[in-house]
Protein backbone atom coordinates (compact mmCIF):
# COMPACT_ATOMS: atom_id res chain seq x y z
CA MET A 1 0.09 -0.09 0.02
CA GLY A 2 1.52 3.33 -0.91
CA LEU A 3 1.87 6.33 1.26
CA GLY A 4 -1.06 8.30 -0.50
CA ARG A 5 -3.46 5.50 0.19
CA MET A 6 -2.67 5.01 3.90
CA ASN A 7 -5.03 6.50 6.50
CA LEU A 8 -2.40 8.98 7.60
CA PRO A 9 -3.65 11.40 10.25
CA THR A 10 -4.47 14.87 9.11
CA VAL A 11 -1.90 17.31 10.43
CA PRO A 12 -3.60 18.82 13.77
CA TRP A 13 -4.57 22.49 13.55
CA HIS A 14 -1.52 24.54 14.83
CA PRO A 15 -1.68 28.30 14.31
CA GLU A 16 1.80 29.99 14.41
CA PRO A 17 2.84 33.53 14.44
CA LEU A 18 4.18 34.81 11.05
CA ASP A 19 7.67 34.71 11.94
CA ALA A 20 7.71 31.08 12.80
CA LEU A 21 5.60 30.19 9.50
CA ARG A 22 8.45 32.35 7.53
CA ARG A 23 11.31 30.18 9.31
CA ARG A 24 9.56 26.95 8.47
CA TYR A 25 8.60 27.95 4.80
CA PRO A 26 12.00 26.74 3.29
CA ALA A 27 11.44 23.27 4.45
CA ALA A 28 8.15 22.85 2.42
CA LEU A 29 10.04 23.18 -0.82
CA VAL A 30 12.92 20.61 0.13
CA ALA A 31 10.96 17.60 -1.36
CA LEU A 32 10.15 17.26 -5.03
CA VAL A 33 6.50 15.89 -5.22
CA SER A 34 4.99 14.31 -8.12
CA PRO A 35 1.42 14.69 -8.03
CA VAL A 36 0.76 11.51 -10.02
CA ASP A 37 2.63 9.53 -7.48
CA VAL A 38 0.36 11.16 -4.63
CA ALA A 39 -2.73 10.45 -6.59
CA ASN A 40 -1.27 6.68 -7.12
CA GLY A 41 -0.59 6.22 -3.67
CA ARG A 42 3.02 6.07 -4.14
CA ALA A 43 3.92 9.15 -2.26
CA ARG A 44 2.43 10.93 0.83
CA ALA A 45 0.43 13.92 0.18
CA PRO A 46 1.84 17.27 1.14
CA SER A 47 -1.26 17.70 3.32
CA LYS A 48 -0.17 14.98 5.58
CA ASP A 49 3.33 16.48 5.86
CA PRO A 50 3.62 18.90 8.80
CA ALA A 51 6.55 20.60 6.83
CA CYS A 52 4.19 21.57 4.08
CA VAL A 53 1.21 22.91 6.41
CA PHE A 54 0.95 26.65 7.51
CA ASP A 55 -1.74 27.53 9.86
CA THR A 56 -2.00 31.20 10.46
CA VAL A 57 -3.56 32.79 13.67
CA ASP A 58 -6.43 34.25 11.27
CA GLY A 59 -7.72 30.62 10.52
CA LEU A 60 -6.12 30.10 7.09
CA ARG A 61 -4.51 26.82 6.36
CA LEU A 62 -2.09 26.70 3.40
CA ILE A 63 -0.40 23.64 2.01
CA VAL A 64 2.85 24.37 0.09
CA SER A 65 4.86 22.12 -1.93
CA ARG A 66 7.11 22.05 -4.62
CA GLU A 67 5.89 19.71 -7.42
CA ARG A 68 6.97 18.38 -10.96
CA PHE A 69 3.94 18.49 -13.36
CA ASP A 70 3.30 16.27 -16.23
CA ASP A 71 4.57 18.87 -18.70
CA GLY A 72 8.06 18.49 -16.72
CA ARG A 73 7.59 21.98 -15.20
CA ILE A 74 8.60 22.44 -11.56
CA LEU A 75 6.22 24.79 -9.63
CA ILE A 76 5.11 25.71 -6.26
CA HIS A 77 1.74 24.56 -5.49
CA ILE A 78 -0.48 26.45 -2.94
CA SER A 79 -3.71 25.23 -1.68
CA ALA A 80 -5.89 26.87 0.91
CA SER A 81 -8.75 26.25 3.50
CA PHE A 82 -10.18 27.96 6.43
CA GLN A 83 -10.29 26.40 9.97
CA ASP A 84 -13.53 28.00 10.74
CA LEU A 85 -15.20 27.62 7.58
CA GLY A 86 -15.02 23.93 6.79
CA ASP A 87 -16.24 23.27 3.29
CA ALA A 88 -17.76 27.01 3.25
CA LEU A 89 -15.32 27.79 0.52
CA LYS A 90 -17.21 25.99 -2.33
CA ASP A 91 -20.24 28.31 -1.16
CA ILE A 92 -18.47 31.61 -1.35
CA ASP A 93 -20.62 34.21 -3.40
CA SER A 94 -18.92 35.08 -6.55
CA GLU A 95 -18.81 38.69 -5.50
CA ASP A 96 -16.87 37.54 -2.47
CA ALA A 97 -14.58 35.27 -4.39
CA PRO A 98 -11.93 37.89 -5.65
CA ALA A 99 -11.35 39.21 -2.09
CA VAL A 100 -11.02 35.58 -0.80
CA MET A 101 -8.52 34.82 -3.42
CA ASP A 102 -6.41 37.87 -2.92
CA LEU A 103 -6.56 37.09 0.84
CA ILE A 104 -4.94 33.55 0.15
CA VAL A 105 -2.53 34.93 -2.15
CA HIS A 106 -1.42 37.67 0.12
CA ALA A 107 -0.83 35.17 3.06
CA TRP A 108 1.48 33.09 0.83
CA GLN A 109 3.51 36.21 -0.31
CA THR A 110 3.80 37.20 3.27
CA ILE A 111 4.79 33.73 4.65
CA SER A 112 7.13 33.03 1.54
CA GLN A 113 8.41 36.77 1.51
CA SER A 114 7.85 36.68 -2.34
CA THR A 115 6.32 39.33 -4.56
CA GLN A 116 5.27 36.91 -7.17
CA THR A 117 1.45 36.23 -7.63
CA PRO A 118 0.28 32.80 -7.79
CA THR A 119 -2.21 31.81 -10.58
CA LEU A 120 -5.38 30.06 -9.81
CA VAL A 121 -5.20 27.02 -11.43
CA ALA A 122 -8.33 25.01 -9.93
CA ILE A 123 -10.83 24.69 -7.50
CA SER A 124 -11.49 21.30 -6.23
CA PRO A 125 -15.02 19.75 -5.74
CA GLY A 126 -14.59 20.43 -2.03
CA GLY A 127 -14.17 23.98 -2.76
CA VAL A 128 -10.42 24.26 -2.12
CA PRO A 129 -8.48 26.54 -4.46
CA HIS A 130 -5.32 25.62 -5.85
CA PHE A 131 -2.70 27.72 -7.03
CA VAL A 132 0.80 27.61 -8.97
CA VAL A 133 3.86 29.84 -9.10
CA GLU A 134 7.06 29.28 -10.37
CA GLN A 135 10.04 28.86 -7.92
CA THR A 136 12.53 31.62 -8.22
CA HIS A 137 15.27 30.62 -5.90
């Protein structure tokens, strides 16, 4: 049985101050993840790796990983959820969506100390937005 299919526990909610999140950020980019291997159960999902999970004191959880995509590109993948909203992201009114996406992008920029702007590439059926950005360093 591969790691992705194992019933690994979810990383417990653990909000940290910004300086702690910034110090931990480089560790999230050490491993190179294959989304195909994760989907096929051959690798652990970044959401199960504490090094990739960033909980803010504002209730936002970012999952950050460095991934090799099918086309050979290596990108930073960012997904987001809110502790107090659960699945409510999927029900966000279209008028509110840009502000929520901006909040997620700003949180990543603040933690990563990057001026890059991630691109929204998908929103999962569960309402989780997924962004990518090129790694510059």
